[in-house]
PDB file of N, CA and C in Angstrom:
ATOM      1  N   MET A   1     -21.450   6.398 -19.176  1.00  0.00           N
ATOM      2  CA  MET A   1     -22.303   5.047 -18.201  1.00  0.00           C
ATOM      3  C   MET A   1     -22.343   5.695 -17.049  1.00  0.00           C
ATOM      4  N   ILE A   2     -23.236   4.988 -15.666  1.00  0.00           N
ATOM      5  CA  ILE A   2     -23.166   5.673 -14.652  1.00  0.00           C
ATOM      6  C   ILE A   2     -22.266   4.511 -13.674  1.00  0.00           C
ATOM      7  N   ASP A   3     -20.782   4.545 -13.207  1.00  0.00           N
ATOM      8  CA  ASP A   3     -20.152   3.721 -12.913  1.00  0.00           C
ATOM      9  C   ASP A   3     -21.314   2.988 -11.050  1.00  0.00           C
ATOM     10  N   THR A   4     -20.916   1.730 -10.855  1.00  0.00           N
ATOM     11  CA  THR A   4     -21.133   0.665 -10.246  1.00  0.00           C
ATOM     12  C   THR A   4     -20.122  -0.259 -10.032  1.00  0.00           C
ATOM     13  N   PRO A   5     -20.998  -0.934  -8.546  1.00  0.00           N
ATOM     14  CA  PRO A   5     -19.869  -1.442  -8.066  1.00  0.00           C
ATOM     15  C   PRO A   5     -19.071  -2.607  -8.537  1.00  0.00           C
ATOM     16  N   GLU A   6     -19.942  -3.183  -9.244  1.00  0.00           N
ATOM     17  CA  GLU A   6     -20.536  -3.896 -11.043  1.00  0.00           C
ATOM     18  C   GLU A   6     -19.338  -3.457 -12.067  1.00  0.00           C
ATOM     19  N   THR A   7     -19.726  -2.514 -11.684  1.00  0.00           N
ATOM     20  CA  THR A   7     -18.942  -2.064 -13.413  1.00  0.00           C
ATOM     21  C   THR A   7     -17.478  -1.518 -13.594  1.00  0.00           C
ATOM     22  N   ASN A   8     -17.041  -0.963 -12.103  1.00  0.00           N
ATOM     23  CA  ASN A   8     -15.829   0.048 -11.681  1.00  0.00           C
ATOM     24  C   ASN A   8     -15.924   0.400 -10.128  1.00  0.00           C
ATOM     25  N   PRO A   9     -15.510  -1.393  -9.938  1.00  0.00           N
ATOM     26  CA  PRO A   9     -15.278  -1.753  -8.377  1.00  0.00           C
ATOM     27  C   PRO A   9     -13.891  -1.512  -7.799  1.00  0.00           C
ATOM     28  N   VAL A  10     -13.910  -1.207  -6.069  1.00  0.00           N
ATOM     29  CA  VAL A  10     -12.714  -0.613  -5.732  1.00  0.00           C
ATOM     30  C   VAL A  10     -12.040  -1.505  -5.348  1.00  0.00           C
ATOM     31  N   VAL A  11     -10.729  -1.431  -5.656  1.00  0.00           N
ATOM     32  CA  VAL A  11      -9.631  -2.741  -6.046  1.00  0.00           C
ATOM     33  C   VAL A  11      -8.589  -2.649  -4.713  1.00  0.00           C
ATOM     34  N   ALA A  12      -8.536  -1.751  -4.309  1.00  0.00           N
ATOM     35  CA  ALA A  12      -7.845  -1.094  -3.083  1.00  0.00           C
ATOM     36  C   ALA A  12      -8.300   0.343  -2.561  1.00  0.00           C
ATOM     37  N   ALA A  13      -7.430   0.190  -1.179  1.00  0.00           N
ATOM     38  CA  ALA A  13      -8.066   1.817  -0.761  1.00  0.00           C
ATOM     39  C   ALA A  13      -6.723   1.836  -0.135  1.00  0.00           C
ATOM     40  N   LEU A  14      -6.328   3.478  -0.053  1.00  0.00           N
ATOM     41  CA  LEU A  14      -5.083   3.736   1.132  1.00  0.00           C
ATOM     42  C   LEU A  14      -5.475   4.624   1.851  1.00  0.00           C
ATOM     43  N   PRO A  15      -4.180   4.781   2.441  1.00  0.00           N
ATOM     44  CA  PRO A  15      -4.348   6.039   3.655  1.00  0.00           C
ATOM     45  C   PRO A  15      -4.876   7.321   3.041  1.00  0.00           C
ATOM     46  N   GLY A  16      -5.157   8.309   3.775  1.00  0.00           N
ATOM     47  CA  GLY A  16      -5.536   9.471   3.338  1.00  0.00           C
ATOM     48  C   GLY A  16      -4.705  10.214   3.428  1.00  0.00           C
ATOM     49  N   ALA A  17      -3.537  10.216   4.179  1.00  0.00           N
ATOM     50  CA  ALA A  17      -1.590  10.554   4.094  1.00  0.00           C
ATOM     51  C   ALA A  17      -2.183  12.282   4.085  1.00  0.00           C
ATOM     52  N   GLY A  18      -2.670  12.859   4.745  1.00  0.00           N
ATOM     53  CA  GLY A  18      -2.104  14.323   5.378  1.00  0.00           C
ATOM     54  C   GLY A  18      -3.710  14.831   4.892  1.00  0.00           C
ATOM     55  N   TRP A  19      -4.414  14.193   3.302  1.00  0.00           N
ATOM     56  CA  TRP A  19      -5.237  14.999   2.721  1.00  0.00           C
ATOM     57  C   TRP A  19      -6.783  16.270   3.747  1.00  0.00           C
ATOM     58  N   PHE A  20      -7.145  16.806   3.319  1.00  0.00           N
ATOM     59  CA  PHE A  20      -8.252  17.181   3.735  1.00  0.00           C
ATOM     60  C   PHE A  20      -9.208  17.432   3.076  1.00  0.00           C
ATOM     61  N   ALA A  21     -10.717  17.602   3.694  1.00  0.00           N
ATOM     62  CA  ALA A  21     -11.741  18.277   3.224  1.00  0.00           C
ATOM     63  C   ALA A  21     -11.992  19.373   3.861  1.00  0.00           C
ATOM     64  N   GLU A  22     -12.644  19.996   2.612  1.00  0.00           N
ATOM     65  CA  GLU A  22     -13.001  21.502   3.195  1.00  0.00           C
ATOM     66  C   GLU A  22     -14.497  21.719   3.049  1.00  0.00           C
ATOM     67  N   TYR A  23     -15.198  22.575   4.220  1.00  0.00           N
ATOM     68  CA  TYR A  23     -16.512  22.053   4.189  1.00  0.00           C
ATOM     69  C   TYR A  23     -16.728  23.991   4.511  1.00  0.00           C
ATOM     70  N   VAL A  24     -18.069  24.429   4.303  1.00  0.00           N
ATOM     71  CA  VAL A  24     -18.555  25.986   3.863  1.00  0.00           C
ATOM     72  C   VAL A  24     -19.829  25.679   4.983  1.00  0.00           C
ATOM     73  N   LEU A  25     -19.396  26.337   6.172  1.00  0.00           N
ATOM     74  CA  LEU A  25     -20.003  26.197   7.368  1.00  0.00           C
ATOM     75  C   LEU A  25     -21.132  27.469   7.150  1.00  0.00           C
ATOM     76  N   PRO A  26     -22.505  26.838   7.907  1.00  0.00           N
ATOM     77  CA  PRO A  26     -24.009  27.956   7.483  1.00  0.00           C
ATOM     78  C   PRO A  26     -23.339  29.730   7.415  1.00  0.00           C
ATOM     79  N   ASP A  27     -22.408  29.529   8.775  1.00  0.00           N
ATOM     80  CA  ASP A  27     -21.395  31.178   9.415  1.00  0.00           C
ATOM     81  C   ASP A  27     -20.657  31.783   8.184  1.00  0.00           C
ATOM     82  N   GLY A  28     -20.574  30.628   7.454  1.00  0.00           N
ATOM     83  CA  GLY A  28     -19.941  31.222   5.747  1.00  0.00           C
ATOM     84  C   GLY A  28     -18.126  31.036   5.838  1.00  0.00           C
ATOM     85  N   THR A  29     -17.766  30.464   6.818  1.00  0.00           N
ATOM     86  CA  THR A  29     -16.478  30.011   7.551  1.00  0.00           C
ATOM     87  C   THR A  29     -15.770  28.997   6.878  1.00  0.00           C
ATOM     88  N   THR A  30     -14.779  28.340   6.900  1.00  0.00           N
ATOM     89  CA  THR A  30     -14.553  26.509   6.366  1.00  0.00           C
ATOM     90  C   THR A  30     -14.158  26.235   7.687  1.00  0.00           C
ATOM     91  N   GLN A  31     -14.278  24.919   7.553  1.00  0.00           N
ATOM     92  CA  GLN A  31     -13.893  23.808   8.185  1.00  0.00           C
ATOM     93  C   GLN A  31     -12.809  22.450   7.773  1.00  0.00           C
ATOM     94  N   GLN A  32     -11.968  22.203   8.239  1.00  0.00           N
ATOM     95  CA  GLN A  32     -11.474  21.230   7.201  1.00  0.00           C
ATOM     96  C   GLN A  32     -11.323  19.312   8.818  1.00  0.00           C
ATOM     97  N   TYR A  33     -11.541  18.061   7.256  1.00  0.00           N
ATOM     98  CA  TYR A  33     -11.767  17.921   7.977  1.00  0.00           C
ATOM     99  C   TYR A  33     -10.670  16.244   7.282  1.00  0.00           C
ATOM    100  N   PRO A  34      -9.828  15.503   8.306  1.00  0.00           N
ATOM    101  CA  PRO A  34      -9.071  14.625   7.343  1.00  0.00           C
ATOM    102  C   PRO A  34      -9.579  13.898   6.674  1.00  0.00           C
ATOM    103  N   LEU A  35      -9.269  13.458   5.494  1.00  0.00           N
ATOM    104  CA  LEU A  35      -9.551  12.111   4.733  1.00  0.00           C
ATOM    105  C   LEU A  35      -9.724  10.984   5.521  1.00  0.00           C
ATOM    106  N   ALA A  36     -10.079  10.255   5.433  1.00  0.00           N
ATOM    107  CA  ALA A  36      -9.348   8.715   5.930  1.00  0.00           C
ATOM    108  C   ALA A  36      -8.894   7.548   4.742  1.00  0.00           C
ATOM    109  N   ALA A  37      -9.294   7.762   4.300  1.00  0.00           N
ATOM    110  CA  ALA A  37      -8.719   7.210   3.183  1.00  0.00           C
ATOM    111  C   ALA A  37      -8.899   7.730   1.266  1.00  0.00           C
ATOM    112  N   TRP A  38      -8.450   7.243   0.706  1.00  0.00           N
ATOM    113  CA  TRP A  38      -8.646   7.410  -1.773  1.00  0.00           C
ATOM    114  C   TRP A  38      -8.569   5.653  -1.665  1.00  0.00           C
ATOM    115  N   LEU A  39      -9.717   5.956  -2.069  1.00  0.00           N
ATOM    116  CA  LEU A  39     -10.439   4.472  -2.719  1.00  0.00           C
ATOM    117  C   LEU A  39     -10.236   4.529  -4.065  1.00  0.00           C
ATOM    118  N   VAL A  40      -8.727   2.774  -4.377  1.00  0.00           N
ATOM    119  CA  VAL A  40      -8.759   2.985  -6.358  1.00  0.00           C
ATOM    120  C   VAL A  40      -9.570   2.100  -6.823  1.00  0.00           C
ATOM    121  N   ARG A  41     -10.157   2.760  -7.856  1.00  0.00           N
ATOM    122  CA  ARG A  41     -10.880   1.845  -8.209  1.00  0.00           C
ATOM    123  C   ARG A  41     -10.983   1.494  -9.738  1.00  0.00           C
ATOM    124  N   ALA A  42     -11.222   0.230 -10.600  1.00  0.00           N
ATOM    125  CA  ALA A  42     -10.132  -1.003 -10.987  1.00  0.00           C
ATOM    126  C   ALA A  42     -10.568  -0.503 -12.285  1.00  0.00           C
ATOM    127  N   ASP A  43     -10.940   1.776 -12.674  1.00  0.00           N
ATOM    128  CA  ASP A  43     -10.494   2.093 -13.827  1.00  0.00           C
ATOM    129  C   ASP A  43      -9.466   2.893 -13.154  1.00  0.00           C
ATOM    130  N   GLY A  44      -8.571   2.866 -12.922  1.00  0.00           N
ATOM    131  CA  GLY A  44      -7.724   3.607 -11.991  1.00  0.00           C
ATOM    132  C   GLY A  44      -7.730   4.665 -10.892  1.00  0.00           C
ATOM    133  N   THR A  45      -9.380   5.334 -11.068  1.00  0.00           N
ATOM    134  CA  THR A  45      -9.721   6.295 -10.999  1.00  0.00           C
ATOM    135  C   THR A  45      -9.500   6.829  -8.947  1.00  0.00           C
ATOM    136  N   LEU A  46      -9.174   7.286  -8.457  1.00  0.00           N
ATOM    137  CA  LEU A  46      -9.213   7.657  -6.962  1.00  0.00           C
ATOM    138  C   LEU A  46     -10.634   8.461  -6.027  1.00  0.00           C
ATOM    139  N   GLU A  47     -11.041   7.961  -5.060  1.00  0.00           N
ATOM    140  CA  GLU A  47     -12.415   8.772  -4.600  1.00  0.00           C
ATOM    141  C   GLU A  47     -11.647   8.726  -2.689  1.00  0.00           C
ATOM    142  N   PRO A  48     -12.168   9.983  -3.281  1.00  0.00           N
ATOM    143  CA  PRO A  48     -12.003  10.662  -0.690  1.00  0.00           C
ATOM    144  C   PRO A  48     -12.972   9.802  -0.358  1.00  0.00           C
ATOM    145  N   VAL A  49     -12.599   9.648   0.621  1.00  0.00           N
ATOM    146  CA  VAL A  49     -13.515   9.280   1.515  1.00  0.00           C
ATOM    147  C   VAL A  49     -12.483  10.115   3.082  1.00  0.00           C
ATOM    148  N   ASP A  50     -14.254  10.690   3.682  1.00  0.00           N
ATOM    149  CA  ASP A  50     -14.348  10.725   4.961  1.00  0.00           C
ATOM    150  C   ASP A  50     -15.434  10.549   5.718  1.00  0.00           C
ATOM    151  N   MET A  51     -15.105  10.886   6.961  1.00  0.00           N
ATOM    152  CA  MET A  51     -15.903   9.985   7.963  1.00  0.00           C
ATOM    153  C   MET A  51     -17.222  11.595   7.917  1.00  0.00           C
ATOM    154  N   GLY A  52     -18.539  11.123   7.653  1.00  0.00           N
ATOM    155  CA  GLY A  52     -19.753  11.526   7.847  1.00  0.00           C
ATOM    156  C   GLY A  52     -20.300  11.820   9.771  1.00  0.00           C
ATOM    157  N   GLU A  53     -20.601  12.926   9.900  1.00  0.00           N
ATOM    158  CA  GLU A  53     -21.239  13.456  10.925  1.00  0.00           C
ATOM    159  C   GLU A  53     -21.919  11.393  11.739  1.00  0.00           C
ATOM    160  N   ASP A  54     -22.539  11.830  10.373  1.00  0.00           N
ATOM    161  CA  ASP A  54     -23.175   9.902  11.027  1.00  0.00           C
ATOM    162  C   ASP A  54     -22.558   8.488  11.236  1.00  0.00           C
ATOM    163  N   GLY A  55     -21.207   8.782  11.218  1.00  0.00           N
ATOM    164  CA  GLY A  55     -20.549   7.526  11.301  1.00  0.00           C
ATOM    165  C   GLY A  55     -20.195   6.861  10.412  1.00  0.00           C
ATOM    166  N   TYR A  56     -20.403   7.503   9.496  1.00  0.00           N
ATOM    167  CA  TYR A  56     -20.483   6.570   8.065  1.00  0.00           C
ATOM    168  C   TYR A  56     -19.524   7.248   6.492  1.00  0.00           C
ATOM    169  N   ALA A  57     -18.672   5.924   6.156  1.00  0.00           N
ATOM    170  CA  ALA A  57     -18.065   6.883   5.786  1.00  0.00           C
ATOM    171  C   ALA A  57     -18.232   7.419   4.209  1.00  0.00           C
ATOM    172  N   GLU A  58     -17.847   8.321   3.308  1.00  0.00           N
ATOM    173  CA  GLU A  58     -18.558   8.708   2.228  1.00  0.00           C
ATOM    174  C   GLU A  58     -17.008   9.831   1.479  1.00  0.00           C
ATOM    175  N   ASP A  59     -17.506   9.977   0.356  1.00  0.00           N
ATOM    176  CA  ASP A  59     -17.155  10.851  -0.292  1.00  0.00           C
ATOM    177  C   ASP A  59     -17.974  12.127   0.049  1.00  0.00           C
ATOM    178  N   PRO A  60     -16.424  13.217  -0.004  1.00  0.00           N
ATOM    179  CA  PRO A  60     -16.650  14.159   1.012  1.00  0.00           C
ATOM    180  C   PRO A  60     -17.838  15.353  -0.129  1.00  0.00           C
ATOM    181  N   ARG A  61     -17.228  15.141  -1.835  1.00  0.00           N
ATOM    182  CA  ARG A  61     -17.328  15.369  -2.928  1.00  0.00           C
ATOM    183  C   ARG A  61     -18.808  15.563  -3.358  1.00  0.00           C
ATOM    184  N   GLY A  62     -19.926  14.765  -2.656  1.00  0.00           N
ATOM    185  CA  GLY A  62     -21.301  14.811  -2.897  1.00  0.00           C
ATOM    186  C   GLY A  62     -21.933  15.798  -1.763  1.00  0.00           C
ATOM    187  N   ALA A  63     -21.218  15.886  -0.622  1.00  0.00           N
ATOM    188  CA  ALA A  63     -22.127  17.003   0.238  1.00  0.00           C
ATOM    189  C   ALA A  63     -22.688  18.146  -0.340  1.00  0.00           C
ATOM    190  N   HIS A  64     -23.257  19.164  -0.081  1.00  0.00           N
ATOM    191  CA  HIS A  64     -24.059  20.285  -0.307  1.00  0.00           C
ATOM    192  C   HIS A  64     -23.121  21.314  -0.053  1.00  0.00           C
ATOM    193  N   ASN A  65     -22.179  21.262   1.540  1.00  0.00           N
ATOM    194  CA  ASN A  65     -21.319  22.765   1.270  1.00  0.00           C
ATOM    195  C   ASN A  65     -19.842  22.277   1.054  1.00  0.00           C
ATOM    196  N   PHE A  66     -19.747  21.017   0.109  1.00  0.00           N
ATOM    197  CA  PHE A  66     -18.427  20.183   0.288  1.00  0.00           C
ATOM    198  C   PHE A  66     -17.421  21.820  -0.305  1.00  0.00           C
ATOM    199  N   ALA A  67     -16.259  22.577   0.167  1.00  0.00           N
ATOM    200  CA  ALA A  67     -15.525  23.165  -1.272  1.00  0.00           C
ATOM    201  C   ALA A  67     -14.726  22.529  -1.674  1.00  0.00           C
ATOM    202  N   ARG A  68     -13.791  22.099  -0.993  1.00  0.00           N
ATOM    203  CA  ARG A  68     -12.393  21.459  -2.259  1.00  0.00           C
ATOM    204  C   ARG A  68     -12.540  20.453  -1.524  1.00  0.00           C
ATOM    205  N   LEU A  69     -10.875  20.083  -1.998  1.00  0.00           N
ATOM    206  CA  LEU A  69      -9.729  19.194  -1.384  1.00  0.00           C
ATOM    207  C   LEU A  69      -8.985  19.878  -0.992  1.00  0.00           C
ATOM    208  N   VAL A  70      -7.918  19.629  -0.351  1.00  0.00           N
ATOM    209  CA  VAL A  70      -6.656  20.325   0.621  1.00  0.00           C
ATOM    210  C   VAL A  70      -6.002  19.464   0.533  1.00  0.00           C
ATOM    211  N   GLN A  71      -4.607  19.822  -0.287  1.00  0.00           N
ATOM    212  CA  GLN A  71      -3.517  18.393  -0.070  1.00  0.00           C
ATOM    213  C   GLN A  71      -2.642  18.948   0.320  1.00  0.00           C
ATOM    214  N   PRO A  72      -1.872  17.879   1.334  1.00  0.00           N
ATOM    215  CA  PRO A  72      -0.581  17.970   2.709  1.00  0.00           C
ATOM    216  C   PRO A  72       0.481  19.589   1.704  1.00  0.00           C
ATOM    217  N   GLN A  73       1.147  19.579   3.322  1.00  0.00           N
ATOM    218  CA  GLN A  73       1.926  21.278   2.680  1.00  0.00           C
ATOM    219  C   GLN A  73       2.874  20.016   3.783  1.00  0.00           C
ATOM    220  N   ALA A  74       3.799  20.940   3.382  1.00  0.00           N
ATOM    221  CA  ALA A  74       5.114  21.000   4.188  1.00  0.00           C
ATOM    222  C   ALA A  74       4.991  20.907   5.447  1.00  0.00           C
ATOM    223  N   GLY A  75       6.118  20.451   6.661  1.00  0.00           N
ATOM    224  CA  GLY A  75       5.327  21.473   7.806  1.00  0.00           C
ATOM    225  C   GLY A  75       3.859  21.188   8.904  1.00  0.00           C
ATOM    226  N   GLY A  76       2.871  20.244   7.891  1.00  0.00           N
ATOM    227  CA  GLY A  76       2.015  19.941   8.902  1.00  0.00           C
ATOM    228  C   GLY A  76       0.365  20.506   7.824  1.00  0.00           C
ATOM    229  N   ARG A  77      -0.628  20.419   9.161  1.00  0.00           N
ATOM    230  CA  ARG A  77      -1.868  20.869   8.361  1.00  0.00           C
ATOM    231  C   ARG A  77      -1.788  22.100   8.352  1.00  0.00           C
ATOM    232  N   PRO A  78      -2.614  22.498   6.776  1.00  0.00           N
ATOM    233  CA  PRO A  78      -2.605  23.078   6.271  1.00  0.00           C
ATOM    234  C   PRO A  78      -3.300  24.554   6.899  1.00  0.00           C
TER     235      PRO A  78
END
């Protein structure tokens, strides 16, 4: 079954808390952008959210050039 807002709604939002989404650029290098938030779904799953270039909040995992989520490290940005 596919989750929809009716079957698995967002019940809370948490800060991005130092997590980053990493993307592969056309030249092969990578760039990291901070997550804006984590959405908590009714079933307990978390969905990362960052801000797209169009200004909309979206799940970075759907981008064609998404590489990975990078967790916070002690002492600052990865």
